[in-house]
Amino acid sequence: MARNQKLTSLIQGRTIASLQPQSVQLLITFTDGSKMTVRVAEVPQNLPTGGTVKAVRQSGTTLELDMVDGSTLVLQTAEATSCVLLRNKHGELEYAD
């Protein structure tokens, strides 16, 4: 699976503070106050807590967040594109795909 270089460069090193399922999307809040919204096909069960992002990989509708501890958060996005928004702690857009 190919690395999403742009998203990796933006969130690498950020630590997940919370994962909040919201019907057809997942809100990921990082400890720096930034937030990433992912439109998902379905919200995964057994969401992990915490973790620091090492890399992001993406292929089609599969988005994987690899963590420093070796774990991976696997998300099935609603579509291959236009499913990820990242905003900094001030609400300013950092990434959209």
C-alpha atoms as a PDB file:
ATOM      1  CA  MET A   1       0.000   0.000   0.000  1.00  0.00           C
ATOM      2  CA  ALA A   2       1.378   3.413  -0.978  1.00  0.00           C
ATOM      3  CA  ARG A   3       2.322   6.008   1.594  1.00  0.00           C
ATOM      4  CA  ASN A   4       0.287   9.205   1.519  1.00  0.00           C
ATOM      5  CA  GLN A   5       3.307  11.502   1.652  1.00  0.00           C
ATOM      6  CA  LYS A   6       1.401  14.765   2.042  1.00  0.00           C
ATOM      7  CA  LEU A   7      -0.804  13.596   4.925  1.00  0.00           C
ATOM      8  CA  THR A   8       2.120  11.754   6.550  1.00  0.00           C
ATOM      9  CA  SER A   9       4.222  14.927   6.551  1.00  0.00           C
ATOM     10  CA  LEU A  10       1.375  16.832   8.224  1.00  0.00           C
ATOM     11  CA  ILE A  11       0.387  14.412  11.006  1.00  0.00           C
ATOM     12  CA  GLN A  12       3.560  12.394  11.628  1.00  0.00           C
ATOM     13  CA  GLY A  13       4.412  12.739  15.319  1.00  0.00           C
ATOM     14  CA  ARG A  14       0.941  13.886  16.351  1.00  0.00           C
ATOM     15  CA  THR A  15      -0.650  11.910  19.175  1.00  0.00           C
ATOM     16  CA  ILE A  16      -4.306  10.912  19.095  1.00  0.00           C
ATOM     17  CA  ALA A  17      -6.231  12.322  22.054  1.00  0.00           C
ATOM     18  CA  SER A  18      -9.623  10.876  21.101  1.00  0.00           C
ATOM     19  CA  LEU A  19     -11.561   9.023  18.421  1.00  0.00           C
ATOM     20  CA  GLN A  20     -15.221   9.985  18.204  1.00  0.00           C
ATOM     21  CA  PRO A  21     -17.555   8.048  15.890  1.00  0.00           C
ATOM     22  CA  GLN A  22     -20.314  10.234  14.410  1.00  0.00           C
ATOM     23  CA  SER A  23     -22.674   8.148  12.204  1.00  0.00           C
ATOM     24  CA  VAL A  24     -20.847   8.150   8.825  1.00  0.00           C
ATOM     25  CA  GLN A  25     -17.637   9.804   9.949  1.00  0.00           C
ATOM     26  CA  LEU A  26     -14.883   9.483  12.498  1.00  0.00           C
ATOM     27  CA  LEU A  27     -13.491  12.553  14.248  1.00  0.00           C
ATOM     28  CA  ILE A  28      -9.865  12.141  15.293  1.00  0.00           C
ATOM     29  CA  THR A  29      -8.663  14.778  17.738  1.00  0.00           C
ATOM     30  CA  PHE A  30      -4.928  15.154  18.308  1.00  0.00           C
ATOM     31  CA  THR A  31      -3.281  16.393  21.497  1.00  0.00           C
ATOM     32  CA  ASP A  32      -2.141  19.583  19.706  1.00  0.00           C
ATOM     33  CA  GLY A  33      -5.809  20.526  19.203  1.00  0.00           C
ATOM     34  CA  SER A  34      -5.954  19.695  15.499  1.00  0.00           C
ATOM     35  CA  LYS A  35      -8.812  17.560  14.184  1.00  0.00           C
ATOM     36  CA  MET A  36      -9.098  15.135  11.298  1.00  0.00           C
ATOM     37  CA  THR A  37     -12.506  14.123   9.988  1.00  0.00           C
ATOM     38  CA  VAL A  38     -12.717  10.925   7.943  1.00  0.00           C
ATOM     39  CA  ARG A  39     -15.931   9.983   6.114  1.00  0.00           C
ATOM     40  CA  VAL A  40     -16.124   6.220   6.516  1.00  0.00           C
ATOM     41  CA  ALA A  41     -18.139   3.427   4.943  1.00  0.00           C
ATOM     42  CA  GLU A  42     -18.817   2.289   8.502  1.00  0.00           C
ATOM     43  CA  VAL A  43     -17.356   3.220  11.850  1.00  0.00           C
ATOM     44  CA  PRO A  44     -14.942   0.491  12.952  1.00  0.00           C
ATOM     45  CA  GLN A  45     -15.556  -1.438  16.142  1.00  0.00           C
ATOM     46  CA  ASN A  46     -12.927  -1.576  18.892  1.00  0.00           C
ATOM     47  CA  LEU A  47     -11.328   1.798  18.254  1.00  0.00           C
ATOM     48  CA  PRO A  48      -7.889   2.047  19.859  1.00  0.00           C
ATOM     49  CA  THR A  49      -7.055   4.841  22.251  1.00  0.00           C
ATOM     50  CA  GLY A  50      -4.019   7.067  21.987  1.00  0.00           C
ATOM     51  CA  GLY A  51      -1.077   6.404  19.746  1.00  0.00           C
ATOM     52  CA  THR A  52       1.392   8.612  17.919  1.00  0.00           C
ATOM     53  CA  VAL A  53       1.225   8.636  14.124  1.00  0.00           C
ATOM     54  CA  LYS A  54       4.293   7.345  12.296  1.00  0.00           C
ATOM     55  CA  ALA A  55       2.929   7.228   8.719  1.00  0.00           C
ATOM     56  CA  VAL A  56      -0.247   7.222   6.652  1.00  0.00           C
ATOM     57  CA  ARG A  57      -0.872   4.731   3.853  1.00  0.00           C
ATOM     58  CA  GLN A  58      -3.754   4.815   1.409  1.00  0.00           C
ATOM     59  CA  SER A  59      -5.037   2.652  -1.426  1.00  0.00           C
ATOM     60  CA  GLY A  60      -8.514   3.053  -2.882  1.00  0.00           C
ATOM     61  CA  THR A  61     -10.934   3.216   0.027  1.00  0.00           C
ATOM     62  CA  THR A  62      -8.480   1.889   2.627  1.00  0.00           C
ATOM     63  CA  LEU A  63      -6.739   4.433   4.850  1.00  0.00           C
ATOM     64  CA  GLU A  64      -4.185   3.166   7.362  1.00  0.00           C
ATOM     65  CA  LEU A  65      -2.595   5.179  10.147  1.00  0.00           C
ATOM     66  CA  ASP A  66       0.578   3.422  11.279  1.00  0.00           C
ATOM     67  CA  MET A  67       1.531   4.196  14.867  1.00  0.00           C
ATOM     68  CA  VAL A  68       4.961   4.467  16.459  1.00  0.00           C
ATOM     69  CA  ASP A  69       4.164   1.458  18.694  1.00  0.00           C
ATOM     70  CA  GLY A  70       3.661  -0.777  15.616  1.00  0.00           C
ATOM     71  CA  SER A  71      -0.144  -0.813  15.677  1.00  0.00           C
ATOM     72  CA  THR A  72      -2.264   0.336  12.730  1.00  0.00           C
ATOM     73  CA  LEU A  73      -5.654   2.042  12.654  1.00  0.00           C
ATOM     74  CA  VAL A  74      -7.419   0.771   9.517  1.00  0.00           C
ATOM     75  CA  LEU A  75     -10.340   2.789   8.149  1.00  0.00           C
ATOM     76  CA  GLN A  76     -12.568   2.068   5.161  1.00  0.00           C
ATOM     77  CA  THR A  77     -13.428   5.439   3.658  1.00  0.00           C
ATOM     78  CA  ALA A  78     -16.780   6.138   2.023  1.00  0.00           C
ATOM     79  CA  GLU A  79     -15.052   6.873  -1.305  1.00  0.00           C
ATOM     80  CA  ALA A  80     -11.524   6.739  -2.701  1.00  0.00           C
ATOM     81  CA  THR A  81     -11.232  10.554  -2.556  1.00  0.00           C
ATOM     82  CA  SER A  82     -12.880  13.516  -0.826  1.00  0.00           C
ATOM     83  CA  CYS A  83     -13.101  11.765   2.545  1.00  0.00           C
ATOM     84  CA  VAL A  84     -10.366  13.321   4.709  1.00  0.00           C
ATOM     85  CA  LEU A  85     -10.247  16.831   6.190  1.00  0.00           C
ATOM     86  CA  LEU A  86      -7.544  18.034   8.569  1.00  0.00           C
ATOM     87  CA  ARG A  87      -7.861  21.317  10.450  1.00  0.00           C
ATOM     88  CA  ASN A  88      -5.365  22.849  12.849  1.00  0.00           C
ATOM     89  CA  LYS A  89      -6.293  23.944  16.370  1.00  0.00           C
ATOM     90  CA  HIS A  90      -7.508  27.285  14.970  1.00  0.00           C
ATOM     91  CA  GLY A  91      -9.884  25.555  12.540  1.00  0.00           C
ATOM     92  CA  GLU A  92      -7.764  26.428   9.501  1.00  0.00           C
ATOM     93  CA  LEU A  93      -7.689  23.828   6.724  1.00  0.00           C
ATOM     94  CA  GLU A  94      -4.389  21.926   6.490  1.00  0.00           C
ATOM     95  CA  TYR A  95      -5.409  19.050   4.208  1.00  0.00           C
ATOM     96  CA  ALA A  96      -8.423  17.984   2.151  1.00  0.00           C
ATOM     97  CA  ASP A  97      -8.804  14.855   0.050  1.00  0.00           C
END
